[in-house]
């Protein structure tokens, strides 16, 4: 399929509340993530991510949202506490084979959830994160965040790099860049696709899964090319 048409189909799917599959790169994690727009996330979506993908369900936040909330990277929190808890220094992720750092920030639950782990609870938390992004645009993000969410929780937040795919090309950046291109709230739920053999689902199997379930399969490079081309064309 033509790359431009494939990207357009993926964006339509996200806008419609459908799951899209995104493969990063064979030279990076070589993993495929299921992706759904946070604003459309339902308990059914969470069930599919949990049962059909099987990795860790996270919510990726656009950098403008994360920065407005002053969300720290989890590694920075650990570093600031090293003087009191030295073991945190020993655990620094300085040896990630495919990247320089982790995009993890704090995990949260919405305050209206019970345990936070059920499909209903996680779907509620993820949808409310999309509402939070709108509050950020209104300048009310930090107040809304504290009133409506608690931490620790069961939805792991990921903070995208400031330049998105121009700076880093993990699933956090690829999927929030895709959301921006699609013109939707730039918060997405993502989950790695695992295989029954205990490893990550191969690209070949992920493509077959997409075909069998009428889902769009996107290569990370398709998002990168479109995003960088858009910004170049706009002078950004």
C-alpha atoms as a PDB file:
ATOM      1  CA  UNK A   1       0.000   0.000   0.000  1.00  0.00           C
ATOM      2  CA  UNK A   2       1.100   3.572  -0.733  1.00  0.00           C
ATOM      3  CA  UNK A   3       2.757   5.016   2.394  1.00  0.00           C
ATOM      4  CA  UNK A   4       0.777   8.252   2.294  1.00  0.00           C
ATOM      5  CA  UNK A   5      -2.518   6.387   1.972  1.00  0.00           C
ATOM      6  CA  UNK A   6      -1.492   4.002   4.754  1.00  0.00           C
ATOM      7  CA  UNK A   7      -0.729   6.924   7.073  1.00  0.00           C
ATOM      8  CA  UNK A   8      -4.035   8.601   6.219  1.00  0.00           C
ATOM      9  CA  UNK A   9      -5.864   5.344   6.965  1.00  0.00           C
ATOM     10  CA  UNK A  10      -4.064   5.101  10.315  1.00  0.00           C
ATOM     11  CA  UNK A  11      -5.042   8.647  11.241  1.00  0.00           C
ATOM     12  CA  UNK A  12      -8.677   7.997  10.331  1.00  0.00           C
ATOM     13  CA  UNK A  13      -8.608   4.867  12.477  1.00  0.00           C
ATOM     14  CA  UNK A  14      -7.296   6.759  15.500  1.00  0.00           C
ATOM     15  CA  UNK A  15      -9.895   9.493  15.057  1.00  0.00           C
ATOM     16  CA  UNK A  16     -12.600   6.797  14.927  1.00  0.00           C
ATOM     17  CA  UNK A  17     -11.422   5.123  18.122  1.00  0.00           C
ATOM     18  CA  UNK A  18      -9.840   2.107  16.441  1.00  0.00           C
ATOM     19  CA  UNK A  19      -6.563   0.417  17.352  1.00  0.00           C
ATOM     20  CA  UNK A  20      -3.531   0.975  15.115  1.00  0.00           C
ATOM     21  CA  UNK A  21      -0.314  -1.076  15.148  1.00  0.00           C
ATOM     22  CA  UNK A  22       3.030   0.766  15.100  1.00  0.00           C
ATOM     23  CA  UNK A  23       6.403  -0.926  14.561  1.00  0.00           C
ATOM     24  CA  UNK A  24       9.387   1.145  15.682  1.00  0.00           C
ATOM     25  CA  UNK A  25      12.521  -0.055  13.871  1.00  0.00           C
ATOM     26  CA  UNK A  26      14.455  -3.282  13.372  1.00  0.00           C
ATOM     27  CA  UNK A  27      17.557  -1.534  14.729  1.00  0.00           C
ATOM     28  CA  UNK A  28      15.805  -0.334  17.873  1.00  0.00           C
ATOM     29  CA  UNK A  29      13.360  -2.424  19.938  1.00  0.00           C
ATOM     30  CA  UNK A  30      11.997  -4.178  16.840  1.00  0.00           C
ATOM     31  CA  UNK A  31       8.595  -4.230  18.564  1.00  0.00           C
ATOM     32  CA  UNK A  32       5.044  -3.501  17.499  1.00  0.00           C
ATOM     33  CA  UNK A  33       2.736  -1.574  19.829  1.00  0.00           C
ATOM     34  CA  UNK A  34      -1.034  -1.442  19.822  1.00  0.00           C
ATOM     35  CA  UNK A  35      -2.123   2.196  19.917  1.00  0.00           C
ATOM     36  CA  UNK A  36      -5.470   3.793  20.738  1.00  0.00           C
ATOM     37  CA  UNK A  37      -6.385   7.454  21.217  1.00  0.00           C
ATOM     38  CA  UNK A  38      -6.815   8.149  24.933  1.00  0.00           C
ATOM     39  CA  UNK A  39      -9.989  10.156  24.335  1.00  0.00           C
ATOM     40  CA  UNK A  40     -11.663   7.068  22.822  1.00  0.00           C
ATOM     41  CA  UNK A  41     -10.312   4.434  25.218  1.00  0.00           C
ATOM     42  CA  UNK A  42     -12.949   2.010  26.530  1.00  0.00           C
ATOM     43  CA  UNK A  43     -12.775  -1.052  28.783  1.00  0.00           C
ATOM     44  CA  UNK A  44     -12.934  -3.131  25.592  1.00  0.00           C
ATOM     45  CA  UNK A  45      -9.789  -1.427  24.275  1.00  0.00           C
ATOM     46  CA  UNK A  46      -7.977  -2.160  27.531  1.00  0.00           C
ATOM     47  CA  UNK A  47      -9.089  -5.803  27.350  1.00  0.00           C
ATOM     48  CA  UNK A  48      -7.728  -6.104  23.811  1.00  0.00           C
ATOM     49  CA  UNK A  49      -4.413  -4.503  24.793  1.00  0.00           C
ATOM     50  CA  UNK A  50      -4.188  -6.728  27.856  1.00  0.00           C
ATOM     51  CA  UNK A  51      -5.118 -10.003  26.153  1.00  0.00           C
ATOM     52  CA  UNK A  52      -4.053  -9.558  22.534  1.00  0.00           C
ATOM     53  CA  UNK A  53      -0.940  -7.411  23.013  1.00  0.00           C
ATOM     54  CA  UNK A  54       0.133  -8.548  26.479  1.00  0.00           C
ATOM     55  CA  UNK A  55       2.840  -6.002  27.216  1.00  0.00           C
ATOM     56  CA  UNK A  56       2.696  -3.050  29.604  1.00  0.00           C
ATOM     57  CA  UNK A  57      -0.245  -0.688  29.094  1.00  0.00           C
ATOM     58  CA  UNK A  58       1.034   2.885  29.226  1.00  0.00           C
ATOM     59  CA  UNK A  59      -0.192   6.361  28.346  1.00  0.00           C
ATOM     60  CA  UNK A  60       2.157   8.432  26.209  1.00  0.00           C
ATOM     61  CA  UNK A  61       1.939  12.195  26.667  1.00  0.00           C
ATOM     62  CA  UNK A  62       2.923  14.885  24.185  1.00  0.00           C
ATOM     63  CA  UNK A  63       5.832  16.974  25.536  1.00  0.00           C
ATOM     64  CA  UNK A  64       3.748  20.134  25.766  1.00  0.00           C
ATOM     65  CA  UNK A  65       1.373  18.311  28.128  1.00  0.00           C
ATOM     66  CA  UNK A  66       4.147  16.760  30.220  1.00  0.00           C
ATOM     67  CA  UNK A  67       6.083  20.032  30.465  1.00  0.00           C
ATOM     68  CA  UNK A  68       3.020  22.029  31.480  1.00  0.00           C
ATOM     69  CA  UNK A  69       2.415  19.541  34.300  1.00  0.00           C
ATOM     70  CA  UNK A  70       6.102  19.640  35.220  1.00  0.00           C
ATOM     71  CA  UNK A  71       6.229  15.859  35.099  1.00  0.00           C
ATOM     72  CA  UNK A  72       9.715  14.577  35.907  1.00  0.00           C
ATOM     73  CA  UNK A  73      11.311  11.548  34.330  1.00  0.00           C
ATOM     74  CA  UNK A  74      11.291   8.667  36.795  1.00  0.00           C
ATOM     75  CA  UNK A  75      15.086   8.467  36.543  1.00  0.00           C
ATOM     76  CA  UNK A  76      15.300  12.088  37.743  1.00  0.00           C
ATOM     77  CA  UNK A  77      13.104  11.290  40.742  1.00  0.00           C
ATOM     78  CA  UNK A  78      15.379   8.381  41.620  1.00  0.00           C
ATOM     79  CA  UNK A  79      18.488  10.529  41.214  1.00  0.00           C
ATOM     80  CA  UNK A  80      17.108  13.210  43.524  1.00  0.00           C
ATOM     81  CA  UNK A  81      16.502  10.575  46.219  1.00  0.00           C
ATOM     82  CA  UNK A  82      19.887   8.822  45.954  1.00  0.00           C
ATOM     83  CA  UNK A  83      21.271  10.573  49.054  1.00  0.00           C
ATOM     84  CA  UNK A  84      18.514   9.004  51.148  1.00  0.00           C
ATOM     85  CA  UNK A  85      18.138   5.722  49.246  1.00  0.00           C
ATOM     86  CA  UNK A  86      21.563   4.833  47.770  1.00  0.00           C
ATOM     87  CA  UNK A  87      20.207   1.699  46.115  1.00  0.00           C
ATOM     88  CA  UNK A  88      18.484   3.928  43.548  1.00  0.00           C
ATOM     89  CA  UNK A  89      21.864   5.048  42.274  1.00  0.00           C
ATOM     90  CA  UNK A  90      22.915   1.451  41.706  1.00  0.00           C
ATOM     91  CA  UNK A  91      19.770   0.880  39.623  1.00  0.00           C
ATOM     92  CA  UNK A  92      20.378   3.707  37.120  1.00  0.00           C
ATOM     93  CA  UNK A  93      19.429   2.517  33.591  1.00  0.00           C
ATOM     94  CA  UNK A  94      22.746   3.420  31.980  1.00  0.00           C
ATOM     95  CA  UNK A  95      22.982   0.206  29.965  1.00  0.00           C
ATOM     96  CA  UNK A  96      19.797   0.188  27.847  1.00  0.00           C
ATOM     97  CA  UNK A  97      21.022  -1.473  24.633  1.00  0.00           C
ATOM     98  CA  UNK A  98      18.688   0.372  22.253  1.00  0.00           C
ATOM     99  CA  UNK A  99      18.395   3.840  23.821  1.00  0.00           C
ATOM    100  CA  UNK A 100      20.065   6.415  26.047  1.00  0.00           C
ATOM    101  CA  UNK A 101      17.257   6.743  28.576  1.00  0.00           C
ATOM    102  CA  UNK A 102      13.762   5.686  29.552  1.00  0.00           C
ATOM    103  CA  UNK A 103      10.667   7.818  28.901  1.00  0.00           C
ATOM    104  CA  UNK A 104       8.888   6.638  32.067  1.00  0.00           C
ATOM    105  CA  UNK A 105       7.499   9.236  34.439  1.00  0.00           C
ATOM    106  CA  UNK A 106       5.050   8.567  37.305  1.00  0.00           C
ATOM    107  CA  UNK A 107       2.225   5.967  37.268  1.00  0.00           C
ATOM    108  CA  UNK A 108      -1.276   7.257  38.081  1.00  0.00           C
ATOM    109  CA  UNK A 109      -4.884   6.300  38.780  1.00  0.00           C
ATOM    110  CA  UNK A 110      -7.876   8.586  38.432  1.00  0.00           C
ATOM    111  CA  UNK A 111      -9.376   9.376  41.840  1.00  0.00           C
ATOM    112  CA  UNK A 112     -12.737   7.897  40.793  1.00  0.00           C
ATOM    113  CA  UNK A 113     -11.208   4.459  40.305  1.00  0.00           C
ATOM    114  CA  UNK A 114     -11.260   1.737  42.961  1.00  0.00           C
ATOM    115  CA  UNK A 115      -8.158  -0.470  42.713  1.00  0.00           C
ATOM    116  CA  UNK A 116      -7.170   1.124  39.420  1.00  0.00           C
ATOM    117  CA  UNK A 117      -6.208  -2.131  37.674  1.00  0.00           C
ATOM    118  CA  UNK A 118      -9.524  -3.299  36.197  1.00  0.00           C
ATOM    119  CA  UNK A 119     -10.273  -2.694  32.531  1.00  0.00           C
ATOM    120  CA  UNK A 120     -12.929  -0.159  33.544  1.00  0.00           C
ATOM    121  CA  UNK A 121     -10.603   1.634  35.929  1.00  0.00           C
ATOM    122  CA  UNK A 122      -7.707   1.849  33.512  1.00  0.00           C
ATOM    123  CA  UNK A 123      -9.963   2.975  30.670  1.00  0.00           C
ATOM    124  CA  UNK A 124     -11.352   5.727  32.903  1.00  0.00           C
ATOM    125  CA  UNK A 125      -7.866   6.883  33.897  1.00  0.00           C
ATOM    126  CA  UNK A 126      -6.709   6.929  30.265  1.00  0.00           C
ATOM    127  CA  UNK A 127      -9.773   8.860  29.042  1.00  0.00           C
ATOM    128  CA  UNK A 128      -9.368  11.365  31.855  1.00  0.00           C
ATOM    129  CA  UNK A 129      -5.755  11.927  30.792  1.00  0.00           C
ATOM    130  CA  UNK A 130      -7.117  13.196  27.479  1.00  0.00           C
ATOM    131  CA  UNK A 131      -9.346  15.614  29.409  1.00  0.00           C
ATOM    132  CA  UNK A 132      -6.290  16.639  31.394  1.00  0.00           C
ATOM    133  CA  UNK A 133      -4.531  17.558  28.147  1.00  0.00           C
ATOM    134  CA  UNK A 134      -7.402  19.926  27.325  1.00  0.00           C
ATOM    135  CA  UNK A 135      -7.106  21.492  30.784  1.00  0.00           C
ATOM    136  CA  UNK A 136      -3.411  22.060  30.045  1.00  0.00           C
ATOM    137  CA  UNK A 137      -4.393  24.025  26.936  1.00  0.00           C
ATOM    138  CA  UNK A 138      -6.674  26.133  29.160  1.00  0.00           C
ATOM    139  CA  UNK A 139      -3.849  26.786  31.622  1.00  0.00           C
ATOM    140  CA  UNK A 140      -5.524  24.723  34.369  1.00  0.00           C
ATOM    141  CA  UNK A 141      -3.524  21.526  34.008  1.00  0.00           C
ATOM    142  CA  UNK A 142      -1.558  21.359  37.253  1.00  0.00           C
ATOM    143  CA  UNK A 143      -4.552  22.138  39.473  1.00  0.00           C
ATOM    144  CA  UNK A 144      -6.758  19.654  37.588  1.00  0.00           C
ATOM    145  CA  UNK A 145      -4.067  16.977  37.730  1.00  0.00           C
ATOM    146  CA  UNK A 146      -3.739  17.035  41.509  1.00  0.00           C
ATOM    147  CA  UNK A 147      -7.475  17.158  42.097  1.00  0.00           C
ATOM    148  CA  UNK A 148      -8.327  14.283  39.779  1.00  0.00           C
ATOM    149  CA  UNK A 149      -5.391  11.860  39.841  1.00  0.00           C
ATOM    150  CA  UNK A 150      -3.306  10.068  42.452  1.00  0.00           C
ATOM    151  CA  UNK A 151       0.066   8.353  42.354  1.00  0.00           C
ATOM    152  CA  UNK A 152       1.259   5.636  42.468  1.00  0.00           C
ATOM    153  CA  UNK A 153      -1.244   4.015  40.158  1.00  0.00           C
ATOM    154  CA  UNK A 154      -1.726   1.444  37.439  1.00  0.00           C
ATOM    155  CA  UNK A 155      -1.381   3.516  34.264  1.00  0.00           C
ATOM    156  CA  UNK A 156       2.269   4.216  33.568  1.00  0.00           C
ATOM    157  CA  UNK A 157       2.826   7.657  32.081  1.00  0.00           C
ATOM    158  CA  UNK A 158       5.455   8.154  29.377  1.00  0.00           C
ATOM    159  CA  UNK A 159       6.877  11.587  28.617  1.00  0.00           C
ATOM    160  CA  UNK A 160       7.749  12.160  24.965  1.00  0.00           C
ATOM    161  CA  UNK A 161      10.984  13.953  24.114  1.00  0.00           C
ATOM    162  CA  UNK A 162      10.659  17.672  23.424  1.00  0.00           C
ATOM    163  CA  UNK A 163      11.387  17.361  19.713  1.00  0.00           C
ATOM    164  CA  UNK A 164       9.363  14.169  19.343  1.00  0.00           C
ATOM    165  CA  UNK A 165      10.772  12.058  16.488  1.00  0.00           C
ATOM    166  CA  UNK A 166      13.359  14.710  15.652  1.00  0.00           C
ATOM    167  CA  UNK A 167      14.993  13.909  18.994  1.00  0.00           C
ATOM    168  CA  UNK A 168      14.001  10.331  19.858  1.00  0.00           C
ATOM    169  CA  UNK A 169      12.178   7.594  17.952  1.00  0.00           C
ATOM    170  CA  UNK A 170      10.695   5.344  20.585  1.00  0.00           C
ATOM    171  CA  UNK A 171       7.033   4.357  20.569  1.00  0.00           C
ATOM    172  CA  UNK A 172       6.331   7.255  22.954  1.00  0.00           C
ATOM    173  CA  UNK A 173       7.436   9.790  20.341  1.00  0.00           C
ATOM    174  CA  UNK A 174       6.148   7.909  17.298  1.00  0.00           C
ATOM    175  CA  UNK A 175       2.627   7.561  18.670  1.00  0.00           C
ATOM    176  CA  UNK A 176       2.257  11.084  20.055  1.00  0.00           C
ATOM    177  CA  UNK A 177       3.616  12.445  16.759  1.00  0.00           C
ATOM    178  CA  UNK A 178       0.981  10.342  14.981  1.00  0.00           C
ATOM    179  CA  UNK A 179      -1.708  11.754  17.264  1.00  0.00           C
ATOM    180  CA  UNK A 180      -0.532  15.285  16.486  1.00  0.00           C
ATOM    181  CA  UNK A 181      -0.588  14.556  12.754  1.00  0.00           C
ATOM    182  CA  UNK A 182      -4.119  13.155  13.124  1.00  0.00           C
ATOM    183  CA  UNK A 183      -5.287  16.295  14.893  1.00  0.00           C
ATOM    184  CA  UNK A 184      -6.519  14.446  17.978  1.00  0.00           C
ATOM    185  CA  UNK A 185      -5.726  14.988  21.651  1.00  0.00           C
ATOM    186  CA  UNK A 186      -2.006  14.058  21.825  1.00  0.00           C
ATOM    187  CA  UNK A 187      -2.338  11.412  24.530  1.00  0.00           C
ATOM    188  CA  UNK A 188      -2.427   7.748  23.513  1.00  0.00           C
ATOM    189  CA  UNK A 189      -2.583   4.367  25.205  1.00  0.00           C
ATOM    190  CA  UNK A 190       0.070   1.963  23.957  1.00  0.00           C
ATOM    191  CA  UNK A 191       1.000  -1.649  24.671  1.00  0.00           C
ATOM    192  CA  UNK A 192       3.728  -3.900  23.266  1.00  0.00           C
ATOM    193  CA  UNK A 193       2.621  -7.008  21.369  1.00  0.00           C
ATOM    194  CA  UNK A 194       4.064 -10.188  22.871  1.00  0.00           C
ATOM    195  CA  UNK A 195       4.319 -13.666  21.343  1.00  0.00           C
ATOM    196  CA  UNK A 196       3.357 -16.932  22.987  1.00  0.00           C
ATOM    197  CA  UNK A 197       7.008 -18.036  22.807  1.00  0.00           C
ATOM    198  CA  UNK A 198       7.874 -15.472  25.482  1.00  0.00           C
ATOM    199  CA  UNK A 199       9.424 -12.846  23.200  1.00  0.00           C
ATOM    200  CA  UNK A 200       8.168  -9.834  21.312  1.00  0.00           C
ATOM    201  CA  UNK A 201       5.794 -10.524  18.439  1.00  0.00           C
ATOM    202  CA  UNK A 202       7.736 -10.510  15.178  1.00  0.00           C
ATOM    203  CA  UNK A 203       7.045  -7.856  12.566  1.00  0.00           C
ATOM    204  CA  UNK A 204       5.825 -10.543  10.161  1.00  0.00           C
ATOM    205  CA  UNK A 205       3.308 -11.876  12.687  1.00  0.00           C
ATOM    206  CA  UNK A 206       2.193  -8.345  13.612  1.00  0.00           C
ATOM    207  CA  UNK A 207       1.450  -7.610   9.942  1.00  0.00           C
ATOM    208  CA  UNK A 208      -0.573 -10.822   9.690  1.00  0.00           C
ATOM    209  CA  UNK A 209      -2.458  -9.894  12.869  1.00  0.00           C
ATOM    210  CA  UNK A 210      -3.283  -6.473  11.420  1.00  0.00           C
ATOM    211  CA  UNK A 211      -4.567  -8.031   8.201  1.00  0.00           C
ATOM    212  CA  UNK A 212      -6.676 -10.598  10.085  1.00  0.00           C
ATOM    213  CA  UNK A 213      -8.259  -7.928  12.304  1.00  0.00           C
ATOM    214  CA  UNK A 214      -8.599  -5.160   9.711  1.00  0.00           C
ATOM    215  CA  UNK A 215      -6.138  -2.928  11.553  1.00  0.00           C
ATOM    216  CA  UNK A 216      -3.595  -0.534  10.086  1.00  0.00           C
ATOM    217  CA  UNK A 217       0.065  -1.520  10.458  1.00  0.00           C
ATOM    218  CA  UNK A 218       2.476   1.416  10.354  1.00  0.00           C
ATOM    219  CA  UNK A 219       6.259   1.475  10.144  1.00  0.00           C
ATOM    220  CA  UNK A 220       7.891   4.023  12.421  1.00  0.00           C
ATOM    221  CA  UNK A 221       9.678   5.541   9.420  1.00  0.00           C
ATOM    222  CA  UNK A 222       6.297   6.396   7.861  1.00  0.00           C
ATOM    223  CA  UNK A 223       5.464   8.552  10.893  1.00  0.00           C
ATOM    224  CA  UNK A 224       8.951  10.074  11.028  1.00  0.00           C
ATOM    225  CA  UNK A 225       8.912  11.059   7.356  1.00  0.00           C
ATOM    226  CA  UNK A 226       5.442  12.585   7.580  1.00  0.00           C
ATOM    227  CA  UNK A 227       6.125  14.458  10.820  1.00  0.00           C
ATOM    228  CA  UNK A 228       9.492  15.878   9.821  1.00  0.00           C
ATOM    229  CA  UNK A 229       8.183  16.720   6.363  1.00  0.00           C
ATOM    230  CA  UNK A 230       5.211  18.567   7.845  1.00  0.00           C
ATOM    231  CA  UNK A 231       7.404  20.607  10.187  1.00  0.00           C
ATOM    232  CA  UNK A 232       9.919  21.347   7.453  1.00  0.00           C
ATOM    233  CA  UNK A 233       7.159  22.502   5.157  1.00  0.00           C
ATOM    234  CA  UNK A 234       5.743  24.790   7.857  1.00  0.00           C
ATOM    235  CA  UNK A 235       9.147  26.193   8.719  1.00  0.00           C
ATOM    236  CA  UNK A 236       9.017  24.493  12.138  1.00  0.00           C
END
